[in-house]
Every structure is written in structure tokens, then in C-alpha cells.
């Protein structure tokens, strides 16, 4: 899991990887510069190597946990 806190922001590469796996989408590295779907989407060709790694870490972490509470809590941003 990335240690850089900003790597976990909503819309960031790690978050998008986690969401893609959670919603059973194929791995397609990308992220948003701000709010998801309300800001510029950056595709893999324009991502840094670390951003691509963070995307795959999010995807792989979600895959390792399936659709259990770990991912639900992360995607909701809080624990119910």
C-alpha cells in the first residue's frame, strides 16, 4: 500500500484502481486531477511510473480483499 497520503485521495490513482476492481472493471490505469468524473481524467500515457504503480496497488489490494468490508469502508470514506 502506498505510504504517500495523497496517493489515497478520492479520484487519485490508488482510489481509481480500487474502484475499478470493486466494480469489476478491467485494469485501465487512470486518475482524475480533482473530483472523480468532474475533473480532467489522466490516462496511463500521461501518468508517471509511480502513479501507474499506485493504480495497480489499489487494484491488487481490492482484488486481494474481494468485495468485503475493507473496500466498502475505503470507498465510502468512513466506517459505519
PDB file of N, CA and C in Angstrom:
ATOM      1  N   UNK A   1       0.852  -1.175   0.000  1.00  0.00           N
ATOM      2  CA  UNK A   1       0.000   0.000   0.000  1.00  0.00           C
ATOM      3  C   UNK A   1       0.899   1.239   0.000  1.00  0.00           C
ATOM      4  N   UNK A   2       0.596   2.248  -0.796  1.00  0.00           N
ATOM      5  CA  UNK A   2       1.445   3.433  -0.848  1.00  0.00           C
ATOM      6  C   UNK A   2       1.506   4.136   0.504  1.00  0.00           C
ATOM      7  N   UNK A   3       2.653   4.691   0.819  1.00  0.00           N
ATOM      8  CA  UNK A   3       2.783   5.413   2.078  1.00  0.00           C
ATOM      9  C   UNK A   3       2.469   6.892   1.903  1.00  0.00           C
ATOM     10  N   UNK A   4       2.462   7.404   0.688  1.00  0.00           N
ATOM     11  CA  UNK A   4       2.153   8.799   0.428  1.00  0.00           C
ATOM     12  C   UNK A   4       0.656   9.028   0.600  1.00  0.00           C
ATOM     13  N   UNK A   5       0.268   9.832   1.602  1.00  0.00           N
ATOM     14  CA  UNK A   5      -1.145  10.058   1.897  1.00  0.00           C
ATOM     15  C   UNK A   5      -1.925  10.535   0.682  1.00  0.00           C
ATOM     16  N   UNK A   6      -1.359  11.421  -0.121  1.00  0.00           N
ATOM     17  CA  UNK A   6      -2.075  11.949  -1.277  1.00  0.00           C
ATOM     18  C   UNK A   6      -2.384  10.862  -2.298  1.00  0.00           C
ATOM     19  N   UNK A   7      -1.669   9.748  -2.249  1.00  0.00           N
ATOM     20  CA  UNK A   7      -1.927   8.637  -3.164  1.00  0.00           C
ATOM     21  C   UNK A   7      -3.299   8.027  -2.897  1.00  0.00           C
ATOM     22  N   UNK A   8      -3.858   8.268  -1.724  1.00  0.00           N
ATOM     23  CA  UNK A   8      -5.147   7.689  -1.347  1.00  0.00           C
ATOM     24  C   UNK A   8      -6.320   8.634  -1.577  1.00  0.00           C
ATOM     25  N   UNK A   9      -6.074   9.805  -2.088  1.00  0.00           N
ATOM     26  CA  UNK A   9      -7.171  10.759  -2.234  1.00  0.00           C
ATOM     27  C   UNK A   9      -8.219  10.243  -3.212  1.00  0.00           C
ATOM     28  N   UNK A  10      -9.446  10.656  -2.988  1.00  0.00           N
ATOM     29  CA  UNK A  10     -10.531  10.265  -3.887  1.00  0.00           C
ATOM     30  C   UNK A  10     -10.234  10.798  -5.280  1.00  0.00           C
ATOM     31  N   UNK A  11     -10.304   9.935  -6.257  1.00  0.00           N
ATOM     32  CA  UNK A  11     -10.001  10.319  -7.634  1.00  0.00           C
ATOM     33  C   UNK A  11      -8.564  10.062  -8.034  1.00  0.00           C
ATOM     34  N   UNK A  12      -7.701   9.791  -7.047  1.00  0.00           N
ATOM     35  CA  UNK A  12      -6.294   9.537  -7.325  1.00  0.00           C
ATOM     36  C   UNK A  12      -6.080   8.136  -7.898  1.00  0.00           C
ATOM     37  N   UNK A  13      -4.870   7.831  -8.331  1.00  0.00           N
ATOM     38  CA  UNK A  13      -4.594   6.542  -8.958  1.00  0.00           C
ATOM     39  C   UNK A  13      -4.947   5.322  -8.095  1.00  0.00           C
ATOM     40  N   UNK A  14      -4.563   5.334  -6.818  1.00  0.00           N
ATOM     41  CA  UNK A  14      -4.865   4.199  -5.941  1.00  0.00           C
ATOM     42  C   UNK A  14      -6.382   4.018  -5.804  1.00  0.00           C
ATOM     43  N   UNK A  15      -7.075   5.108  -5.585  1.00  0.00           N
ATOM     44  CA  UNK A  15      -8.532   5.084  -5.449  1.00  0.00           C
ATOM     45  C   UNK A  15      -9.202   4.560  -6.716  1.00  0.00           C
ATOM     46  N   UNK A  16      -8.745   5.006  -7.871  1.00  0.00           N
ATOM     47  CA  UNK A  16      -9.349   4.567  -9.140  1.00  0.00           C
ATOM     48  C   UNK A  16      -9.085   3.083  -9.379  1.00  0.00           C
ATOM     49  N   UNK A  17      -7.882   2.605  -9.030  1.00  0.00           N
ATOM     50  CA  UNK A  17      -7.593   1.183  -9.174  1.00  0.00           C
ATOM     51  C   UNK A  17      -8.496   0.350  -8.276  1.00  0.00           C
ATOM     52  N   UNK A  18      -8.647   0.790  -7.031  1.00  0.00           N
ATOM     53  CA  UNK A  18      -9.504   0.096  -6.083  1.00  0.00           C
ATOM     54  C   UNK A  18     -10.956   0.083  -6.572  1.00  0.00           C
ATOM     55  N   UNK A  19     -11.418   1.212  -7.060  1.00  0.00           N
ATOM     56  CA  UNK A  19     -12.800   1.307  -7.549  1.00  0.00           C
ATOM     57  C   UNK A  19     -13.008   0.441  -8.789  1.00  0.00           C
ATOM     58  N   UNK A  20     -12.038   0.447  -9.692  1.00  0.00           N
ATOM     59  CA  UNK A  20     -12.186  -0.370 -10.905  1.00  0.00           C
ATOM     60  C   UNK A  20     -12.345  -1.836 -10.551  1.00  0.00           C
ATOM     61  N   UNK A  21     -11.545  -2.330  -9.614  1.00  0.00           N
ATOM     62  CA  UNK A  21     -11.660  -3.732  -9.225  1.00  0.00           C
ATOM     63  C   UNK A  21     -12.969  -3.977  -8.482  1.00  0.00           C
ATOM     64  N   UNK A  22     -13.322  -3.080  -7.579  1.00  0.00           N
ATOM     65  CA  UNK A  22     -14.545  -3.213  -6.798  1.00  0.00           C
ATOM     66  C   UNK A  22     -15.768  -3.337  -7.714  1.00  0.00           C
ATOM     67  N   UNK A  23     -15.779  -2.545  -8.790  1.00  0.00           N
ATOM     68  CA  UNK A  23     -16.907  -2.558  -9.733  1.00  0.00           C
ATOM     69  C   UNK A  23     -16.692  -3.521 -10.895  1.00  0.00           C
ATOM     70  N   UNK A  24     -15.688  -4.411 -10.731  1.00  0.00           N
ATOM     71  CA  UNK A  24     -15.416  -5.479 -11.705  1.00  0.00           C
ATOM     72  C   UNK A  24     -15.085  -4.964 -13.111  1.00  0.00           C
ATOM     73  N   UNK A  25     -14.371  -3.828 -13.158  1.00  0.00           N
ATOM     74  CA  UNK A  25     -13.886  -3.309 -14.433  1.00  0.00           C
ATOM     75  C   UNK A  25     -12.458  -3.817 -14.654  1.00  0.00           C
ATOM     76  N   UNK A  26     -12.046  -3.860 -15.906  1.00  0.00           N
ATOM     77  CA  UNK A  26     -10.671  -4.271 -16.194  1.00  0.00           C
ATOM     78  C   UNK A  26      -9.710  -3.180 -15.723  1.00  0.00           C
ATOM     79  N   UNK A  27      -8.482  -3.579 -15.463  1.00  0.00           N
ATOM     80  CA  UNK A  27      -7.460  -2.628 -15.025  1.00  0.00           C
ATOM     81  C   UNK A  27      -7.070  -1.730 -16.190  1.00  0.00           C
ATOM     82  N   UNK A  28      -7.369  -0.457 -16.055  1.00  0.00           N
ATOM     83  CA  UNK A  28      -7.028   0.558 -17.048  1.00  0.00           C
ATOM     84  C   UNK A  28      -6.515   1.772 -16.279  1.00  0.00           C
ATOM     85  N   UNK A  29      -5.203   1.845 -16.031  1.00  0.00           N
ATOM     86  CA  UNK A  29      -4.672   2.924 -15.205  1.00  0.00           C
ATOM     87  C   UNK A  29      -5.115   4.318 -15.670  1.00  0.00           C
ATOM     88  N   UNK A  30      -5.597   5.070 -14.710  1.00  0.00           N
ATOM     89  CA  UNK A  30      -6.032   6.449 -14.935  1.00  0.00           C
ATOM     90  C   UNK A  30      -6.250   7.087 -13.559  1.00  0.00           C
ATOM     91  N   UNK A  31      -6.465   8.383 -13.553  1.00  0.00           N
ATOM     92  CA  UNK A  31      -6.878   9.085 -12.346  1.00  0.00           C
ATOM     93  C   UNK A  31      -7.499  10.409 -12.757  1.00  0.00           C
ATOM     94  N   UNK A  32      -8.087  11.093 -11.809  1.00  0.00           N
ATOM     95  CA  UNK A  32      -8.685  12.403 -12.053  1.00  0.00           C
ATOM     96  C   UNK A  32      -7.882  13.453 -11.299  1.00  0.00           C
ATOM     97  N   UNK A  33      -7.742  14.628 -11.894  1.00  0.00           N
ATOM     98  CA  UNK A  33      -6.957  15.689 -11.264  1.00  0.00           C
ATOM     99  C   UNK A  33      -7.659  16.278 -10.052  1.00  0.00           C
ATOM    100  N   UNK A  34      -8.946  16.094  -9.972  1.00  0.00           N
ATOM    101  CA  UNK A  34      -9.745  16.569  -8.836  1.00  0.00           C
ATOM    102  C   UNK A  34     -10.812  15.539  -8.550  1.00  0.00           C
ATOM    103  N   UNK A  35     -12.038  16.019  -8.431  1.00  0.00           N
ATOM    104  CA  UNK A  35     -13.156  15.124  -8.137  1.00  0.00           C
ATOM    105  C   UNK A  35     -13.372  14.132  -9.283  1.00  0.00           C
ATOM    106  N   UNK A  36     -13.674  12.892  -8.915  1.00  0.00           N
ATOM    107  CA  UNK A  36     -13.928  11.844  -9.896  1.00  0.00           C
ATOM    108  C   UNK A  36     -15.088  12.235 -10.801  1.00  0.00           C
ATOM    109  N   UNK A  37     -14.869  12.099 -12.089  1.00  0.00           N
ATOM    110  CA  UNK A  37     -15.840  12.396 -13.148  1.00  0.00           C
ATOM    111  C   UNK A  37     -16.195  13.873 -13.272  1.00  0.00           C
ATOM    112  N   UNK A  38     -15.605  14.729 -12.439  1.00  0.00           N
ATOM    113  CA  UNK A  38     -15.880  16.171 -12.503  1.00  0.00           C
ATOM    114  C   UNK A  38     -14.618  16.977 -12.768  1.00  0.00           C
ATOM    115  N   UNK A  39     -13.551  16.282 -13.091  1.00  0.00           N
ATOM    116  CA  UNK A  39     -12.290  16.955 -13.389  1.00  0.00           C
ATOM    117  C   UNK A  39     -11.596  16.205 -14.522  1.00  0.00           C
ATOM    118  N   UNK A  40     -10.462  16.702 -14.922  1.00  0.00           N
ATOM    119  CA  UNK A  40      -9.716  16.117 -16.026  1.00  0.00           C
ATOM    120  C   UNK A  40      -9.278  14.692 -15.701  1.00  0.00           C
ATOM    121  N   UNK A  41      -9.573  13.756 -16.611  1.00  0.00           N
ATOM    122  CA  UNK A  41      -9.146  12.365 -16.466  1.00  0.00           C
ATOM    123  C   UNK A  41      -7.791  12.219 -17.139  1.00  0.00           C
ATOM    124  N   UNK A  42      -6.828  11.693 -16.416  1.00  0.00           N
ATOM    125  CA  UNK A  42      -5.477  11.468 -16.923  1.00  0.00           C
ATOM    126  C   UNK A  42      -5.333   9.979 -17.230  1.00  0.00           C
ATOM    127  N   UNK A  43      -4.964   9.679 -18.462  1.00  0.00           N
ATOM    128  CA  UNK A  43      -4.800   8.296 -18.905  1.00  0.00           C
ATOM    129  C   UNK A  43      -3.361   7.821 -18.666  1.00  0.00           C
ATOM    130  N   UNK A  44      -3.157   6.532 -18.773  1.00  0.00           N
ATOM    131  CA  UNK A  44      -1.863   5.915 -18.469  1.00  0.00           C
ATOM    132  C   UNK A  44      -0.702   6.551 -19.240  1.00  0.00           C
ATOM    133  N   UNK A  45      -0.912   6.906 -20.484  1.00  0.00           N
ATOM    134  CA  UNK A  45       0.165   7.504 -21.287  1.00  0.00           C
ATOM    135  C   UNK A  45       0.716   8.783 -20.672  1.00  0.00           C
ATOM    136  N   UNK A  46      -0.091   9.446 -19.839  1.00  0.00           N
ATOM    137  CA  UNK A  46       0.327  10.704 -19.226  1.00  0.00           C
ATOM    138  C   UNK A  46       0.549  10.584 -17.721  1.00  0.00           C
ATOM    139  N   UNK A  47       0.651   9.356 -17.239  1.00  0.00           N
ATOM    140  CA  UNK A  47       0.890   9.120 -15.813  1.00  0.00           C
ATOM    141  C   UNK A  47       2.369   8.839 -15.576  1.00  0.00           C
ATOM    142  N   UNK A  48       2.825   9.172 -14.380  1.00  0.00           N
ATOM    143  CA  UNK A  48       4.201   8.842 -14.002  1.00  0.00           C
ATOM    144  C   UNK A  48       4.256   7.345 -13.675  1.00  0.00           C
ATOM    145  N   UNK A  49       5.454   6.768 -13.699  1.00  0.00           N
ATOM    146  CA  UNK A  49       5.565   5.356 -13.318  1.00  0.00           C
ATOM    147  C   UNK A  49       4.994   5.090 -11.915  1.00  0.00           C
ATOM    148  N   UNK A  50       5.217   5.994 -10.972  1.00  0.00           N
ATOM    149  CA  UNK A  50       4.705   5.807  -9.610  1.00  0.00           C
ATOM    150  C   UNK A  50       3.180   5.850  -9.579  1.00  0.00           C
ATOM    151  N   UNK A  51       2.575   6.703 -10.372  1.00  0.00           N
ATOM    152  CA  UNK A  51       1.118   6.761 -10.425  1.00  0.00           C
ATOM    153  C   UNK A  51       0.534   5.454 -10.969  1.00  0.00           C
ATOM    154  N   UNK A  52       1.188   4.879 -11.966  1.00  0.00           N
ATOM    155  CA  UNK A  52       0.734   3.594 -12.514  1.00  0.00           C
ATOM    156  C   UNK A  52       0.887   2.502 -11.450  1.00  0.00           C
ATOM    157  N   UNK A  53       1.989   2.529 -10.726  1.00  0.00           N
ATOM    158  CA  UNK A  53       2.194   1.566  -9.638  1.00  0.00           C
ATOM    159  C   UNK A  53       1.089   1.724  -8.594  1.00  0.00           C
ATOM    160  N   UNK A  54       0.777   2.966  -8.213  1.00  0.00           N
ATOM    161  CA  UNK A  54      -0.262   3.205  -7.209  1.00  0.00           C
ATOM    162  C   UNK A  54      -1.619   2.703  -7.693  1.00  0.00           C
ATOM    163  N   UNK A  55      -1.919   2.900  -8.970  1.00  0.00           N
ATOM    164  CA  UNK A  55      -3.171   2.398  -9.535  1.00  0.00           C
ATOM    165  C   UNK A  55      -3.236   0.879  -9.354  1.00  0.00           C
ATOM    166  N   UNK A  56      -2.173   0.193  -9.747  1.00  0.00           N
ATOM    167  CA  UNK A  56      -2.155  -1.264  -9.661  1.00  0.00           C
ATOM    168  C   UNK A  56      -2.167  -1.747  -8.209  1.00  0.00           C
ATOM    169  N   UNK A  57      -1.549  -1.007  -7.299  1.00  0.00           N
ATOM    170  CA  UNK A  57      -1.620  -1.362  -5.881  1.00  0.00           C
ATOM    171  C   UNK A  57      -3.063  -1.302  -5.398  1.00  0.00           C
ATOM    172  N   UNK A  58      -3.783  -0.261  -5.788  1.00  0.00           N
ATOM    173  CA  UNK A  58      -5.200  -0.152  -5.419  1.00  0.00           C
ATOM    174  C   UNK A  58      -6.016  -1.282  -6.004  1.00  0.00           C
ATOM    175  N   UNK A  59      -5.758  -1.597  -7.255  1.00  0.00           N
ATOM    176  CA  UNK A  59      -6.481  -2.677  -7.944  1.00  0.00           C
ATOM    177  C   UNK A  59      -6.176  -4.015  -7.275  1.00  0.00           C
ATOM    178  N   UNK A  60      -4.897  -4.273  -7.029  1.00  0.00           N
ATOM    179  CA  UNK A  60      -4.491  -5.544  -6.432  1.00  0.00           C
ATOM    180  C   UNK A  60      -4.977  -5.670  -4.990  1.00  0.00           C
ATOM    181  N   UNK A  61      -4.960  -4.581  -4.243  1.00  0.00           N
ATOM    182  CA  UNK A  61      -5.436  -4.620  -2.863  1.00  0.00           C
ATOM    183  C   UNK A  61      -6.929  -4.939  -2.837  1.00  0.00           C
ATOM    184  N   UNK A  62      -7.694  -4.356  -3.725  1.00  0.00           N
ATOM    185  CA  UNK A  62      -9.126  -4.640  -3.790  1.00  0.00           C
ATOM    186  C   UNK A  62      -9.342  -6.088  -4.210  1.00  0.00           C
ATOM    187  N   UNK A  63      -8.514  -6.583  -5.119  1.00  0.00           N
ATOM    188  CA  UNK A  63      -8.627  -7.969  -5.568  1.00  0.00           C
ATOM    189  C   UNK A  63      -8.332  -8.929  -4.416  1.00  0.00           C
ATOM    190  N   UNK A  64      -7.334  -8.600  -3.624  1.00  0.00           N
ATOM    191  CA  UNK A  64      -6.956  -9.461  -2.503  1.00  0.00           C
ATOM    192  C   UNK A  64      -8.056  -9.525  -1.446  1.00  0.00           C
ATOM    193  N   UNK A  65      -8.835  -8.448  -1.337  1.00  0.00           N
ATOM    194  CA  UNK A  65      -9.890  -8.393  -0.329  1.00  0.00           C
ATOM    195  C   UNK A  65     -11.275  -8.679  -0.896  1.00  0.00           C
ATOM    196  N   UNK A  66     -11.371  -8.878  -2.198  1.00  0.00           N
ATOM    197  CA  UNK A  66     -12.679  -9.119  -2.805  1.00  0.00           C
ATOM    198  C   UNK A  66     -13.584  -7.931  -2.583  1.00  0.00           C
ATOM    199  N   UNK A  67     -14.848  -8.158  -2.382  1.00  0.00           N
ATOM    200  CA  UNK A  67     -15.779  -7.047  -2.158  1.00  0.00           C
ATOM    201  C   UNK A  67     -16.203  -7.008  -0.690  1.00  0.00           C
ATOM    202  N   UNK A  68     -15.248  -7.263   0.193  1.00  0.00           N
ATOM    203  CA  UNK A  68     -15.567  -7.291   1.615  1.00  0.00           C
ATOM    204  C   UNK A  68     -15.618  -5.884   2.208  1.00  0.00           C
ATOM    205  N   UNK A  69     -15.800  -5.817   3.506  1.00  0.00           N
ATOM    206  CA  UNK A  69     -15.958  -4.549   4.206  1.00  0.00           C
ATOM    207  C   UNK A  69     -14.755  -3.626   4.048  1.00  0.00           C
ATOM    208  N   UNK A  70     -13.554  -4.178   3.899  1.00  0.00           N
ATOM    209  CA  UNK A  70     -12.363  -3.343   3.756  1.00  0.00           C
ATOM    210  C   UNK A  70     -12.524  -2.356   2.614  1.00  0.00           C
ATOM    211  N   UNK A  71     -12.957  -2.840   1.463  1.00  0.00           N
ATOM    212  CA  UNK A  71     -13.126  -1.966   0.312  1.00  0.00           C
ATOM    213  C   UNK A  71     -14.323  -1.051   0.467  1.00  0.00           C
ATOM    214  N   UNK A  72     -15.393  -1.553   1.034  1.00  0.00           N
ATOM    215  CA  UNK A  72     -16.583  -0.738   1.223  1.00  0.00           C
ATOM    216  C   UNK A  72     -16.271   0.441   2.131  1.00  0.00           C
ATOM    217  N   UNK A  73     -15.560   0.171   3.217  1.00  0.00           N
ATOM    218  CA  UNK A  73     -15.187   1.246   4.132  1.00  0.00           C
ATOM    219  C   UNK A  73     -14.317   2.263   3.410  1.00  0.00           C
ATOM    220  N   UNK A  74     -13.335   1.800   2.653  1.00  0.00           N
ATOM    221  CA  UNK A  74     -12.443   2.728   1.947  1.00  0.00           C
ATOM    222  C   UNK A  74     -13.221   3.564   0.934  1.00  0.00           C
ATOM    223  N   UNK A  75     -14.080   2.936   0.146  1.00  0.00           N
ATOM    224  CA  UNK A  75     -14.810   3.659  -0.874  1.00  0.00           C
ATOM    225  C   UNK A  75     -15.816   4.633  -0.282  1.00  0.00           C
ATOM    226  N   UNK A  76     -16.405   4.282   0.851  1.00  0.00           N
ATOM    227  CA  UNK A  76     -17.342   5.188   1.496  1.00  0.00           C
ATOM    228  C   UNK A  76     -16.630   6.323   2.240  1.00  0.00           C
ATOM    229  N   UNK A  77     -15.360   6.103   2.547  1.00  0.00           N
ATOM    230  CA  UNK A  77     -14.582   7.132   3.220  1.00  0.00           C
ATOM    231  C   UNK A  77     -14.737   7.129   4.729  1.00  0.00           C
ATOM    232  N   UNK A  78     -15.558   6.248   5.268  1.00  0.00           N
ATOM    233  CA  UNK A  78     -15.737   6.174   6.712  1.00  0.00           C
ATOM    234  C   UNK A  78     -16.252   4.796   7.082  1.00  0.00           C
ATOM    235  N   UNK A  79     -16.102   4.464   8.344  1.00  0.00           N
ATOM    236  CA  UNK A  79     -16.599   3.169   8.817  1.00  0.00           C
ATOM    237  C   UNK A  79     -17.965   3.383   9.437  1.00  0.00           C
ATOM    238  N   UNK A  80     -18.946   2.624   9.002  1.00  0.00           N
ATOM    239  CA  UNK A  80     -20.311   2.733   9.538  1.00  0.00           C
ATOM    240  C   UNK A  80     -20.408   2.074  10.901  1.00  0.00           C
TER     241      UNK A  80
END
